[in-house]
């Protein structure tokens, strides 16, 4: 998370913005948007999408599983995230619910076939688009 601080005149100046990725701090290219008494929004460029979910599901019946997308880089906004999410799945999978959110529930229909779940995220403030995917399969087991 980074901050954009206002000077006494109330205008904003760009500042270095850093993000901690769990291992080290990375400097992001910062831009500022709007103004207020302390800070409103800052942005680093959306650089990718991490999609998580099961790689192989072993179930006797067609399973229903959850997949989640997380933006890599991108906005920090105290009022909440500013992303839109668009999910697509391979034939043989179907989205049960969650389209337009960061998490979907997917139902499997084909056995022993590697299939793909993909999420495309669009960042509202910049229009930047990034996508990520994960391969998954269903192996019927009793």
Protein backbone atom coordinates (compact mmCIF):
# COMPACT_ATOMS: atom_id res chain seq x y z
CA UNK A 1 0.00 0.00 0.00
CA UNK A 2 1.23 3.50 -0.72
CA UNK A 3 0.03 6.96 0.05
CA UNK A 4 -0.23 10.26 -1.73
CA UNK A 5 0.11 13.11 0.77
CA UNK A 6 -1.27 16.58 0.27
CA UNK A 7 0.87 19.65 0.85
CA UNK A 8 -0.46 22.70 2.73
CA UNK A 9 -2.11 24.10 -0.40
CA UNK A 10 -4.24 20.94 -0.65
CA UNK A 11 -2.78 19.80 -3.96
CA UNK A 12 -1.32 16.37 -4.45
CA UNK A 13 2.15 15.45 -5.54
CA UNK A 14 3.25 12.06 -6.84
CA UNK A 15 5.27 10.02 -4.41
CA UNK A 16 6.99 6.67 -4.47
CA UNK A 17 4.54 3.86 -3.87
CA UNK A 18 5.60 0.47 -2.59
CA UNK A 19 3.84 -2.88 -2.37
CA UNK A 20 4.92 -5.78 -0.17
CA UNK A 21 4.54 -9.07 -2.05
CA UNK A 22 5.11 -11.25 1.00
CA UNK A 23 8.87 -11.42 0.49
CA UNK A 24 10.12 -7.99 -0.44
CA UNK A 25 9.00 -4.42 -1.13
CA UNK A 26 8.55 -3.45 -4.78
CA UNK A 27 8.30 0.12 -6.00
CA UNK A 28 5.29 0.76 -8.20
CA UNK A 29 4.89 3.59 -10.63
CA UNK A 30 2.40 5.86 -8.92
CA UNK A 31 -0.24 8.19 -10.25
CA UNK A 32 -2.67 10.23 -8.25
CA UNK A 33 -6.35 10.76 -8.84
CA UNK A 34 -8.59 13.36 -7.24
CA UNK A 35 -7.94 15.11 -3.99
CA UNK A 36 -9.13 15.41 -0.44
CA UNK A 37 -7.88 16.27 2.99
CA UNK A 38 -5.47 13.32 3.20
CA UNK A 39 -5.49 10.93 0.25
CA UNK A 40 -7.95 9.26 -2.04
CA UNK A 41 -6.62 6.90 -4.66
CA UNK A 42 -3.29 5.80 -5.96
CA UNK A 43 -2.53 3.33 -8.69
CA UNK A 44 0.20 1.05 -9.74
CA UNK A 45 -0.38 -0.72 -13.01
CA UNK A 46 -2.40 -3.92 -12.94
CA UNK A 47 0.18 -6.48 -14.05
CA UNK A 48 -1.59 -9.80 -13.89
CA UNK A 49 -4.23 -12.04 -12.37
CA UNK A 50 -3.68 -15.00 -10.08
CA UNK A 51 -6.44 -17.62 -10.33
CA UNK A 52 -6.64 -20.24 -7.59
CA UNK A 53 -8.71 -23.40 -7.33
CA UNK A 54 -8.33 -27.17 -7.46
CA UNK A 55 -6.02 -28.72 -10.05
CA UNK A 56 -7.53 -32.20 -9.85
CA UNK A 57 -10.85 -33.09 -8.24
CA UNK A 58 -11.51 -36.70 -7.28
CA UNK A 59 -15.21 -37.31 -6.75
CA UNK A 60 -17.72 -39.99 -7.78
CA UNK A 61 -20.25 -37.36 -8.87
CA UNK A 62 -19.79 -34.22 -10.97
CA UNK A 63 -18.11 -31.82 -8.54
CA UNK A 64 -18.82 -28.17 -7.90
CA UNK A 65 -15.73 -26.14 -6.95
CA UNK A 66 -14.80 -22.53 -6.19
CA UNK A 67 -12.19 -20.54 -8.14
CA UNK A 68 -10.90 -17.14 -7.02
CA UNK A 69 -9.09 -14.36 -8.89
CA UNK A 70 -6.70 -11.88 -7.28
CA UNK A 71 -5.32 -8.83 -9.09
CA UNK A 72 -1.54 -8.44 -9.11
CA UNK A 73 -0.53 -4.79 -8.77
CA UNK A 74 -3.25 -2.26 -9.39
CA UNK A 75 -5.33 0.15 -7.37
CA UNK A 76 -5.44 0.90 -3.71
CA UNK A 77 -8.59 2.82 -2.89
CA UNK A 78 -9.90 3.25 0.66
CA UNK A 79 -13.49 3.04 -0.61
CA UNK A 80 -12.91 -0.43 -2.09
CA UNK A 81 -11.54 -2.19 -5.16
CA UNK A 82 -12.28 -0.81 -8.58
CA UNK A 83 -12.18 -3.90 -10.77
CA UNK A 84 -14.61 -5.71 -13.04
CA UNK A 85 -14.30 -9.48 -13.42
CA UNK A 86 -15.20 -11.60 -16.45
CA UNK A 87 -14.93 -15.38 -16.12
CA UNK A 88 -14.82 -17.91 -18.94
CA UNK A 89 -14.55 -21.70 -18.78
CA UNK A 90 -13.75 -24.50 -21.23
CA UNK A 91 -16.59 -26.53 -22.75
CA UNK A 92 -17.49 -29.22 -20.22
CA UNK A 93 -17.40 -26.75 -17.32
CA UNK A 94 -20.20 -24.38 -16.39
CA UNK A 95 -20.33 -21.33 -14.15
CA UNK A 96 -22.99 -21.88 -11.51
CA UNK A 97 -22.68 -18.47 -9.82
CA UNK A 98 -20.34 -15.55 -9.21
CA UNK A 99 -19.89 -14.09 -12.71
CA UNK A 100 -18.78 -10.46 -12.30
CA UNK A 101 -17.21 -11.09 -8.87
CA UNK A 102 -13.73 -12.18 -7.80
CA UNK A 103 -14.93 -15.74 -7.09
CA UNK A 104 -17.00 -18.22 -9.13
CA UNK A 105 -18.52 -21.60 -8.47
CA UNK A 106 -17.91 -24.00 -11.35
CA UNK A 107 -19.58 -27.35 -12.09
CA UNK A 108 -17.64 -30.08 -13.91
CA UNK A 109 -19.28 -32.08 -16.69
CA UNK A 110 -16.49 -33.99 -18.48
CA UNK A 111 -14.27 -36.61 -16.92
CA UNK A 112 -10.49 -36.99 -17.40
CA UNK A 113 -10.24 -33.87 -19.59
CA UNK A 114 -7.97 -30.99 -18.66
CA UNK A 115 -10.06 -27.83 -18.75
CA UNK A 116 -9.34 -24.16 -18.15
CA UNK A 117 -10.92 -21.54 -15.91
CA UNK A 118 -9.93 -18.00 -16.92
CA UNK A 119 -10.60 -14.62 -15.34
CA UNK A 120 -10.09 -11.28 -17.08
CA UNK A 121 -9.92 -8.25 -14.79
CA UNK A 122 -10.38 -4.68 -15.98
CA UNK A 123 -9.12 -1.87 -13.75
CA UNK A 124 -11.71 0.92 -13.68
CA UNK A 125 -9.35 3.84 -13.16
CA UNK A 126 -6.93 3.03 -15.96
CA UNK A 127 -8.78 0.63 -18.25
CA UNK A 128 -5.86 -1.79 -17.91
CA UNK A 129 -6.85 -5.38 -18.68
CA UNK A 130 -5.07 -8.49 -17.42
CA UNK A 131 -6.04 -12.13 -17.29
CA UNK A 132 -5.00 -15.33 -15.62
CA UNK A 133 -6.10 -18.94 -15.78
CA UNK A 134 -5.77 -22.32 -14.13
CA UNK A 135 -6.06 -25.82 -15.58
CA UNK A 136 -8.28 -28.29 -13.75
CA UNK A 137 -9.69 -31.78 -14.25
CA UNK A 138 -12.16 -34.22 -12.71
CA UNK A 139 -11.20 -37.82 -12.02
CA UNK A 140 -14.19 -39.86 -10.85
CA UNK A 141 -13.32 -41.91 -7.77
CA UNK A 142 -15.58 -43.67 -5.33
